[in-house]
N, C-alpha and C. Protein backbone atom coordinates (compact mmCIF):
# COMPACT_ATOMS: atom_id res chain seq x y z
N UNK A 1 0.96 -1.26 0.17
CA UNK A 1 0.05 0.05 0.04
C UNK A 1 0.99 1.24 0.01
N UNK A 2 1.99 1.12 0.70
CA UNK A 2 2.75 2.42 0.85
C UNK A 2 3.25 2.67 -0.50
N UNK A 3 3.87 1.84 -1.29
CA UNK A 3 4.60 2.15 -2.45
C UNK A 3 3.42 2.75 -3.46
N UNK A 4 2.24 2.11 -3.52
CA UNK A 4 1.23 2.52 -4.37
C UNK A 4 0.69 4.00 -3.89
N UNK A 5 0.48 4.19 -2.67
CA UNK A 5 0.06 5.56 -2.23
C UNK A 5 1.14 6.50 -2.42
N UNK A 6 2.42 6.32 -2.13
CA UNK A 6 3.32 7.29 -2.58
C UNK A 6 3.53 7.77 -4.01
N UNK A 7 3.32 6.77 -4.93
CA UNK A 7 3.39 6.93 -6.34
C UNK A 7 2.32 7.79 -6.74
N UNK A 8 1.15 7.43 -6.31
CA UNK A 8 -0.21 8.26 -6.59
C UNK A 8 -0.15 9.62 -6.02
N UNK A 9 0.40 9.73 -4.82
CA UNK A 9 0.38 10.92 -4.07
C UNK A 9 1.18 11.99 -4.79
N UNK A 10 2.30 11.62 -5.47
CA UNK A 10 3.08 12.58 -6.18
C UNK A 10 2.28 13.19 -7.24
N UNK A 11 1.42 12.34 -8.06
CA UNK A 11 0.70 12.86 -9.10
C UNK A 11 -0.48 13.74 -8.57
N UNK A 12 -1.12 13.14 -7.51
CA UNK A 12 -2.17 14.08 -6.94
C UNK A 12 -1.79 15.43 -6.38
N UNK A 13 -0.70 15.50 -5.93
CA UNK A 13 -0.19 16.50 -5.18
C UNK A 13 0.14 17.58 -6.21
N UNK A 14 0.75 17.05 -7.47
CA UNK A 14 1.17 17.90 -8.46
C UNK A 14 0.08 18.50 -9.18
N UNK A 15 -1.16 17.85 -9.23
CA UNK A 15 -2.31 18.40 -9.75
C UNK A 15 -3.24 19.10 -8.72
N UNK A 16 -2.68 19.39 -7.51
CA UNK A 16 -3.35 20.28 -6.44
C UNK A 16 -4.53 19.58 -5.90
N UNK A 17 -4.55 18.20 -5.83
CA UNK A 17 -5.54 17.49 -5.12
C UNK A 17 -5.30 17.27 -3.68
N UNK A 18 -6.20 17.59 -2.81
CA UNK A 18 -6.29 17.21 -1.28
C UNK A 18 -6.67 15.85 -1.28
N UNK A 19 -6.02 15.04 -0.34
CA UNK A 19 -6.44 13.71 -0.01
C UNK A 19 -6.71 13.72 1.42
N UNK A 20 -8.06 13.07 1.53
CA UNK A 20 -8.52 12.84 3.04
C UNK A 20 -8.84 11.29 3.15
N UNK A 21 -8.65 10.76 4.22
CA UNK A 21 -8.87 9.26 4.52
C UNK A 21 -9.99 9.46 5.64
N UNK A 22 -11.12 8.93 5.41
CA UNK A 22 -12.22 9.04 6.40
C UNK A 22 -12.52 7.65 6.83
N UNK A 23 -12.67 7.47 8.11
CA UNK A 23 -13.06 6.14 8.76
C UNK A 23 -12.33 5.80 10.08
N UNK A 24 -12.89 4.81 10.71
CA UNK A 24 -12.24 4.48 11.93
C UNK A 24 -10.55 3.97 11.81
N UNK A 25 -9.97 4.37 12.65
CA UNK A 25 -8.53 3.83 12.81
C UNK A 25 -8.36 2.62 13.77
N UNK A 26 -9.47 2.18 14.18
CA UNK A 26 -9.49 1.11 15.22
C UNK A 26 -9.09 -0.20 14.42
N UNK A 27 -8.17 -0.98 14.77
CA UNK A 27 -7.80 -2.07 14.22
C UNK A 27 -6.77 -1.92 13.09
N UNK A 28 -6.54 -0.79 12.71
CA UNK A 28 -5.48 -0.56 11.68
C UNK A 28 -4.12 -0.37 12.26
N UNK A 29 -3.09 -0.88 11.76
CA UNK A 29 -1.88 -0.76 12.41
C UNK A 29 -1.20 0.69 12.32
N UNK A 30 -0.32 0.86 13.13
CA UNK A 30 0.24 2.16 13.45
C UNK A 30 0.86 2.71 12.29
N UNK A 31 1.64 1.81 11.60
CA UNK A 31 2.41 2.10 10.45
C UNK A 31 1.46 2.66 9.35
N UNK A 32 0.38 2.00 9.09
CA UNK A 32 -0.45 2.46 8.09
C UNK A 32 -1.31 3.72 8.37
N UNK A 33 -1.59 4.03 9.79
CA UNK A 33 -2.06 5.18 10.05
C UNK A 33 -0.99 6.33 9.95
N UNK A 34 0.19 6.12 10.02
CA UNK A 34 1.00 7.18 10.00
C UNK A 34 1.18 7.58 8.31
N UNK A 35 1.23 6.52 7.59
CA UNK A 35 1.13 6.70 6.15
C UNK A 35 -0.08 7.60 5.61
N UNK A 36 -1.13 7.30 6.12
CA UNK A 36 -2.39 7.88 5.84
C UNK A 36 -2.31 9.34 6.27
N UNK A 37 -1.96 9.55 7.47
CA UNK A 37 -1.78 10.90 8.11
C UNK A 37 -0.66 11.64 7.33
N UNK A 38 0.45 11.27 7.02
CA UNK A 38 1.26 11.75 6.28
C UNK A 38 0.85 12.27 4.87
N UNK A 39 0.08 11.46 4.15
CA UNK A 39 -0.44 11.77 2.96
C UNK A 39 -1.42 12.99 3.01
N UNK A 40 -2.24 12.87 4.04
CA UNK A 40 -3.13 14.13 4.47
C UNK A 40 -2.51 15.39 4.50
N UNK A 41 -1.36 15.20 5.34
CA UNK A 41 -0.69 16.27 5.72
C UNK A 41 0.24 17.03 4.51
N UNK A 42 0.59 15.98 3.61
CA UNK A 42 1.30 16.51 2.32
C UNK A 42 0.51 17.43 1.40
N UNK A 43 -0.77 17.04 1.33
CA UNK A 43 -1.76 17.73 0.47
C UNK A 43 -2.76 18.70 0.97
N UNK A 44 -2.64 18.80 2.41
CA UNK A 44 -3.80 19.68 3.13
C UNK A 44 -4.03 21.06 2.44
N UNK A 45 -2.89 21.62 1.86
CA UNK A 45 -3.22 23.06 1.28
C UNK A 45 -3.52 23.12 -0.09
N UNK A 46 -3.62 21.74 -0.60
CA UNK A 46 -4.17 21.77 -2.10
C UNK A 46 -5.54 22.22 -2.16
N UNK A 47 -5.84 22.93 -3.10
CA UNK A 47 -7.33 23.53 -3.32
C UNK A 47 -8.05 23.29 -4.63
N UNK A 48 -7.46 22.62 -5.60
CA UNK A 48 -8.18 22.21 -6.83
C UNK A 48 -9.33 21.15 -6.61
N UNK A 49 -8.96 20.17 -5.78
CA UNK A 49 -10.18 19.19 -5.62
C UNK A 49 -9.79 18.47 -4.35
N UNK A 50 -10.82 18.08 -3.69
CA UNK A 50 -10.53 17.07 -2.46
C UNK A 50 -11.16 15.65 -2.74
N UNK A 51 -10.11 14.74 -2.66
CA UNK A 51 -10.34 13.32 -2.79
C UNK A 51 -10.64 12.66 -1.39
N UNK A 52 -11.95 12.50 -1.14
CA UNK A 52 -12.23 11.64 0.28
C UNK A 52 -12.14 10.24 -0.07
N UNK A 53 -11.29 9.60 0.59
CA UNK A 53 -11.27 8.08 0.54
C UNK A 53 -11.86 7.48 1.87
N UNK A 54 -13.06 6.67 1.58
CA UNK A 54 -13.73 6.27 2.76
C UNK A 54 -12.98 4.80 3.06
N UNK A 55 -12.17 4.79 4.02
CA UNK A 55 -11.39 3.61 4.30
C UNK A 55 -11.72 3.16 5.75
N UNK A 56 -12.24 1.99 6.09
CA UNK A 56 -12.71 1.59 7.21
C UNK A 56 -13.79 2.37 7.86
N UNK A 57 -14.68 2.84 6.74
CA UNK A 57 -15.68 3.83 6.95
C UNK A 57 -16.92 3.09 6.99
N UNK A 58 -17.71 3.51 8.16
CA UNK A 58 -19.24 3.08 8.09
C UNK A 58 -20.11 4.32 8.62
N UNK A 59 -21.31 4.55 8.01
CA UNK A 59 -22.23 5.60 8.35
C UNK A 59 -22.47 5.51 9.96
N UNK A 60 -22.79 4.24 10.43
CA UNK A 60 -23.04 4.11 11.90
C UNK A 60 -21.80 4.59 12.74
N UNK A 61 -20.63 4.19 12.28
CA UNK A 61 -19.42 4.67 12.95
C UNK A 61 -19.39 6.05 13.01
N UNK A 62 -19.55 6.70 11.84
CA UNK A 62 -19.38 8.19 11.71
C UNK A 62 -20.37 8.91 12.60
N UNK A 63 -21.66 8.44 12.76
CA UNK A 63 -22.69 9.12 13.57
C UNK A 63 -22.21 8.94 15.06
N UNK A 64 -21.90 7.71 15.47
CA UNK A 64 -21.78 7.52 16.79
C UNK A 64 -20.37 8.21 17.19
N UNK A 65 -19.38 8.29 16.42
CA UNK A 65 -18.01 8.97 16.69
C UNK A 65 -18.22 10.40 16.80
N UNK A 66 -19.15 11.02 16.00
CA UNK A 66 -19.48 12.47 16.07
C UNK A 66 -20.22 12.77 17.29
N UNK A 67 -21.25 12.00 17.63
CA UNK A 67 -21.97 12.08 18.91
C UNK A 67 -21.14 11.99 20.15
N UNK A 68 -20.29 11.12 20.13
CA UNK A 68 -19.31 10.89 21.21
C UNK A 68 -18.44 12.09 21.42
N UNK A 69 -17.84 12.60 20.33
CA UNK A 69 -17.02 13.85 20.55
C UNK A 69 -17.91 15.06 20.90
N UNK A 70 -19.14 15.25 20.51
CA UNK A 70 -19.87 16.39 20.94
C UNK A 70 -20.09 16.16 22.36
N UNK A 71 -20.45 15.02 22.70
CA UNK A 71 -20.98 14.77 24.11
C UNK A 71 -19.66 15.06 25.02
N UNK A 72 -18.45 14.60 24.66
CA UNK A 72 -17.33 14.79 25.45
C UNK A 72 -16.92 16.13 25.55
N UNK A 73 -17.19 17.12 24.54
CA UNK A 73 -16.92 18.37 24.59
C UNK A 73 -18.07 19.26 25.38
N UNK A 74 -19.14 18.47 25.70
CA UNK A 74 -20.18 19.33 26.25
C UNK A 74 -21.03 20.11 25.35
N UNK A 75 -20.91 19.84 24.06
CA UNK A 75 -21.76 20.37 23.06
C UNK A 75 -23.18 19.79 22.99
N UNK A 76 -24.08 20.67 22.87
CA UNK A 76 -25.49 20.12 22.87
C UNK A 76 -25.42 19.41 21.32
N UNK A 77 -26.17 18.25 21.39
CA UNK A 77 -26.20 17.42 20.01
C UNK A 77 -27.56 17.93 19.38
N UNK A 78 -27.38 18.54 18.35
CA UNK A 78 -28.47 19.13 17.63
C UNK A 78 -28.20 18.66 16.15
N UNK A 79 -29.11 18.86 15.21
CA UNK A 79 -28.99 18.40 13.80
C UNK A 79 -27.74 19.28 13.19
N UNK A 80 -27.74 20.46 13.64
CA UNK A 80 -26.48 21.37 13.07
C UNK A 80 -25.05 20.89 13.60
N UNK A 81 -25.11 20.71 15.05
CA UNK A 81 -23.79 20.35 15.64
C UNK A 81 -23.38 18.93 15.01
N UNK A 82 -24.29 18.02 14.98
CA UNK A 82 -24.15 16.64 14.46
C UNK A 82 -23.46 16.76 13.00
N UNK A 83 -24.16 17.67 12.12
CA UNK A 83 -23.78 17.61 10.73
C UNK A 83 -22.30 18.22 10.78
N UNK A 84 -22.10 19.16 11.56
CA UNK A 84 -20.66 19.71 11.61
C UNK A 84 -19.59 18.83 12.07
N UNK A 85 -19.93 17.84 12.86
CA UNK A 85 -19.08 16.85 13.42
C UNK A 85 -18.75 15.72 12.79
N UNK A 86 -19.41 15.48 11.78
CA UNK A 86 -19.30 14.26 10.78
C UNK A 86 -17.97 14.38 10.04
N UNK A 87 -17.54 13.17 9.61
CA UNK A 87 -16.28 13.27 8.66
C UNK A 87 -16.30 13.96 7.58
N UNK A 88 -17.37 14.06 6.95
CA UNK A 88 -17.59 14.68 5.69
C UNK A 88 -18.08 16.05 5.77
N UNK A 89 -18.06 16.66 7.01
CA UNK A 89 -18.63 17.93 7.22
C UNK A 89 -18.46 19.06 6.20
N UNK A 90 -17.02 19.12 5.70
CA UNK A 90 -16.73 20.27 4.77
C UNK A 90 -17.39 20.09 3.45
N UNK A 91 -17.97 18.77 3.16
CA UNK A 91 -18.62 18.62 1.83
C UNK A 91 -19.98 18.73 1.81
N UNK A 92 -20.69 19.07 0.64
CA UNK A 92 -22.17 19.08 0.67
C UNK A 92 -22.67 17.72 0.60
N UNK A 93 -23.95 17.43 1.02
CA UNK A 93 -24.48 16.21 1.00
C UNK A 93 -24.71 15.82 -0.50
N UNK A 94 -24.61 14.56 -0.78
CA UNK A 94 -24.74 14.00 -2.32
C UNK A 94 -26.22 14.33 -2.58
N UNK A 95 -26.29 14.73 -3.88
CA UNK A 95 -27.55 14.84 -4.53
C UNK A 95 -28.01 13.61 -5.14
N UNK A 96 -26.96 12.77 -5.53
CA UNK A 96 -27.18 11.38 -6.09
C UNK A 96 -26.44 10.39 -5.60
N UNK A 97 -26.78 9.20 -5.14
CA UNK A 97 -26.03 8.09 -4.83
C UNK A 97 -26.22 6.95 -5.81
N UNK A 98 -25.22 6.64 -6.45
CA UNK A 98 -25.42 5.54 -7.54
C UNK A 98 -24.88 4.18 -6.82
N UNK A 99 -25.71 3.17 -6.84
CA UNK A 99 -25.17 1.76 -6.21
C UNK A 99 -25.21 1.07 -7.34
N UNK A 100 -24.02 0.29 -7.51
CA UNK A 100 -23.80 -0.65 -8.69
C UNK A 100 -23.86 -1.91 -8.20
N UNK A 101 -23.89 -2.98 -9.21
CA UNK A 101 -23.79 -4.47 -8.84
C UNK A 101 -25.31 -4.96 -8.51
N UNK A 102 -26.41 -4.26 -8.84
CA UNK A 102 -27.62 -4.69 -8.58
C UNK A 102 -28.02 -4.72 -7.07
N UNK A 103 -27.29 -4.11 -6.25
CA UNK A 103 -27.59 -3.98 -4.84
C UNK A 103 -28.46 -2.91 -4.65
N UNK A 104 -29.53 -3.19 -3.82
CA UNK A 104 -30.51 -2.11 -3.39
C UNK A 104 -30.55 -1.62 -2.08
N UNK A 105 -29.45 -1.32 -1.53
CA UNK A 105 -29.42 -0.97 -0.25
C UNK A 105 -28.23 0.04 0.01
N UNK A 106 -28.01 0.87 1.10
CA UNK A 106 -27.02 1.68 1.24
C UNK A 106 -25.79 1.06 1.86
N UNK A 107 -25.84 0.01 2.52
CA UNK A 107 -24.83 -0.70 3.00
C UNK A 107 -23.82 0.07 3.99
N UNK A 108 -24.54 0.92 4.86
CA UNK A 108 -23.83 1.57 5.97
C UNK A 108 -23.06 2.69 5.34
N UNK A 109 -23.40 3.26 4.09
CA UNK A 109 -22.50 4.29 3.59
C UNK A 109 -23.30 5.62 3.56
N UNK A 110 -22.64 6.66 4.27
CA UNK A 110 -23.27 7.92 4.27
C UNK A 110 -24.65 8.07 4.59
N UNK A 111 -25.07 7.42 5.83
CA UNK A 111 -26.32 7.22 6.32
C UNK A 111 -27.05 8.59 6.50
N UNK A 112 -26.21 9.42 7.23
CA UNK A 112 -26.79 10.76 7.50
C UNK A 112 -26.62 11.78 6.31
N UNK A 113 -25.68 11.64 5.54
CA UNK A 113 -25.70 12.58 4.41
C UNK A 113 -26.71 12.14 3.23
N UNK A 114 -27.06 11.02 3.09
CA UNK A 114 -27.96 10.58 2.17
C UNK A 114 -29.46 10.82 2.30
N UNK A 115 -29.88 11.40 3.44
CA UNK A 115 -31.15 11.60 4.05
C UNK A 115 -32.08 12.15 2.87
N UNK A 116 -31.59 12.98 1.85
CA UNK A 116 -32.44 13.72 0.84
C UNK A 116 -31.71 13.27 -0.51
N UNK A 117 -30.81 12.45 -0.53
CA UNK A 117 -30.11 12.12 -1.89
C UNK A 117 -31.16 11.14 -2.65
N UNK A 118 -31.09 11.28 -4.00
CA UNK A 118 -31.72 10.44 -4.92
C UNK A 118 -30.90 9.34 -4.90
N UNK A 119 -31.67 7.99 -5.00
CA UNK A 119 -30.87 6.78 -5.03
C UNK A 119 -31.06 6.13 -6.53
N UNK A 120 -29.96 5.77 -7.29
CA UNK A 120 -29.98 5.11 -8.43
C UNK A 120 -29.43 3.67 -8.37
N UNK A 121 -30.04 2.78 -8.61
CA UNK A 121 -29.57 1.36 -8.71
C UNK A 121 -29.26 0.86 -9.92
N UNK A 122 -28.02 0.47 -10.28
CA UNK A 122 -27.72 -0.06 -11.60
C UNK A 122 -27.10 -1.41 -11.48
N UNK A 123 -27.55 -2.25 -12.39
CA UNK A 123 -27.23 -3.76 -12.42
C UNK A 123 -25.75 -4.00 -12.82
N UNK A 124 -25.03 -2.87 -13.30
CA UNK A 124 -23.62 -2.86 -13.91
C UNK A 124 -22.77 -2.94 -12.70
N UNK A 125 -21.84 -3.92 -12.59
CA UNK A 125 -20.79 -4.00 -11.65
C UNK A 125 -19.81 -2.69 -11.72
N UNK A 126 -19.25 -2.48 -10.43
CA UNK A 126 -18.40 -1.26 -10.49
C UNK A 126 -17.29 -1.18 -11.64
N UNK A 127 -16.60 -2.34 -11.71
CA UNK A 127 -15.41 -2.26 -12.79
C UNK A 127 -15.91 -1.95 -14.12
N UNK A 128 -17.31 -2.33 -14.51
CA UNK A 128 -17.61 -2.07 -15.81
C UNK A 128 -18.74 -0.90 -15.91
N UNK A 129 -18.76 -0.10 -14.82
CA UNK A 129 -19.62 1.15 -14.79
C UNK A 129 -18.93 2.06 -15.67
N UNK A 130 -19.31 2.40 -16.78
CA UNK A 130 -18.64 3.20 -17.74
C UNK A 130 -19.40 4.72 -17.87
N UNK A 131 -18.91 5.26 -18.91
CA UNK A 131 -19.41 6.68 -19.11
C UNK A 131 -21.05 6.36 -19.57
N UNK A 132 -21.31 5.58 -20.36
CA UNK A 132 -22.72 5.20 -20.74
C UNK A 132 -23.51 4.86 -19.65
N UNK A 133 -23.07 4.10 -18.62
CA UNK A 133 -23.91 3.70 -17.46
C UNK A 133 -24.12 4.99 -16.70
N UNK A 134 -22.93 5.83 -16.49
CA UNK A 134 -23.15 7.08 -15.90
C UNK A 134 -24.24 7.95 -16.52
N UNK A 135 -24.25 8.11 -17.75
CA UNK A 135 -25.23 8.91 -18.44
C UNK A 135 -26.52 8.37 -18.21
N UNK A 136 -26.84 7.12 -18.08
CA UNK A 136 -28.09 6.56 -17.76
C UNK A 136 -28.49 7.02 -16.43
N UNK A 137 -27.68 6.87 -15.49
CA UNK A 137 -27.86 7.35 -14.15
C UNK A 137 -28.21 8.75 -14.02
N UNK A 138 -27.35 9.56 -14.71
CA UNK A 138 -27.68 11.20 -14.77
C UNK A 138 -29.03 11.36 -15.57
N UNK A 139 -29.32 10.76 -16.54
CA UNK A 139 -30.67 10.98 -17.16
C UNK A 139 -31.76 10.47 -16.23
N UNK A 140 -31.71 9.53 -15.46
CA UNK A 140 -32.63 9.10 -14.51
C UNK A 140 -32.75 10.28 -13.33
N UNK A 141 -31.67 10.59 -13.04
CA UNK A 141 -31.76 11.67 -11.91
C UNK A 141 -32.30 13.00 -12.55
N UNK A 142 -31.98 13.39 -13.65
CA UNK A 142 -32.64 14.71 -14.27
C UNK A 142 -34.06 14.71 -14.42
N UNK A 143 -34.65 13.38 -14.53
CA UNK A 143 -36.17 13.15 -14.69
C UNK A 143 -36.91 13.45 -13.40
N UNK A 144 -36.22 13.36 -12.40
CA UNK A 144 -36.79 13.18 -10.90
C UNK A 144 -37.21 14.76 -10.50
N UNK A 145 -38.21 14.72 -9.75
CA UNK A 145 -38.66 16.01 -8.91
C UNK A 145 -37.92 15.94 -7.64
N UNK A 146 -37.06 16.89 -7.34
CA UNK A 146 -36.31 16.97 -5.94
C UNK A 146 -37.40 17.68 -4.94
N UNK A 147 -37.63 16.99 -3.78
CA UNK A 147 -38.58 17.66 -2.92
C UNK A 147 -38.07 18.02 -1.58
N UNK A 148 -36.85 17.16 -1.29
CA UNK A 148 -36.20 17.18 -0.04
C UNK A 148 -37.17 17.16 1.22
N UNK A 149 -37.95 16.03 0.97
CA UNK A 149 -38.78 15.71 2.31
C UNK A 149 -40.13 16.32 2.02
N UNK A 150 -40.34 17.30 1.40
CA UNK A 150 -41.63 17.91 1.25
C UNK A 150 -42.59 17.04 0.47
N UNK A 151 -43.76 17.01 0.62
CA UNK A 151 -44.85 16.33 -0.23
C UNK A 151 -45.22 17.12 -1.35
N UNK A 152 -45.79 16.55 -2.32
CA UNK A 152 -46.14 17.14 -3.56
C UNK A 152 -47.34 18.12 -3.25
N UNK A 153 -47.75 19.10 -3.67
CA UNK A 153 -48.81 19.97 -3.68
C UNK A 153 -49.89 19.17 -3.88
N UNK A 154 -51.11 19.27 -3.05
CA UNK A 154 -52.43 18.62 -3.56
C UNK A 154 -52.81 19.27 -4.89
N UNK A 155 -53.42 18.25 -5.66
CA UNK A 155 -53.93 18.84 -7.01
C UNK A 155 -55.09 19.75 -6.70
N UNK A 156 -55.06 20.66 -7.63
CA UNK A 156 -56.27 21.81 -7.54
C UNK A 156 -57.48 21.13 -7.76
N UNK A 157 -58.48 21.52 -7.01
CA UNK A 157 -59.90 20.93 -7.09
C UNK A 157 -60.67 21.94 -8.03
N UNK A 158 -61.27 21.52 -9.14
CA UNK A 158 -61.94 22.29 -9.96
C UNK A 158 -63.49 22.19 -9.56
N UNK A 159 -64.09 23.33 -9.31
CA UNK A 159 -65.53 23.14 -8.95
C UNK A 159 -66.43 22.60 -10.17
N UNK A 160 -67.35 21.84 -9.82
CA UNK A 160 -68.20 21.27 -11.01
C UNK A 160 -69.29 22.16 -11.18
């Protein structure tokens, strides 16, 4: 992992890409944790794009970890404080979550952040998910009415 990460890091850094590793460090060796932390520090000032790598990440872990940190700090747990404490706090919530491989579940991924995301399920496996498959997902997304939890307005009643 170290050799691959070092090789890719040079390219990412040269292109101004910031790298972040999100997830629990529990059960991960100290050497690997140091490598990941060093990669984050080396690219922390890059501003062209942020690459978030969810490594040993789970939505439940993220919520519990954020709540525990808020409680330890004595911060009231509100929707706003929780949102700010999550791993992906600097990022906007996803508008569209594409699930490949004909799986019809979130699989513990971005549980909080996907509350109002549109979900698209594709039978295409990830390695084969190409530009055409992405185009189909974006077409389906474009045809949807985004309501963010609101209901549709009741149809107008025309007096007889």
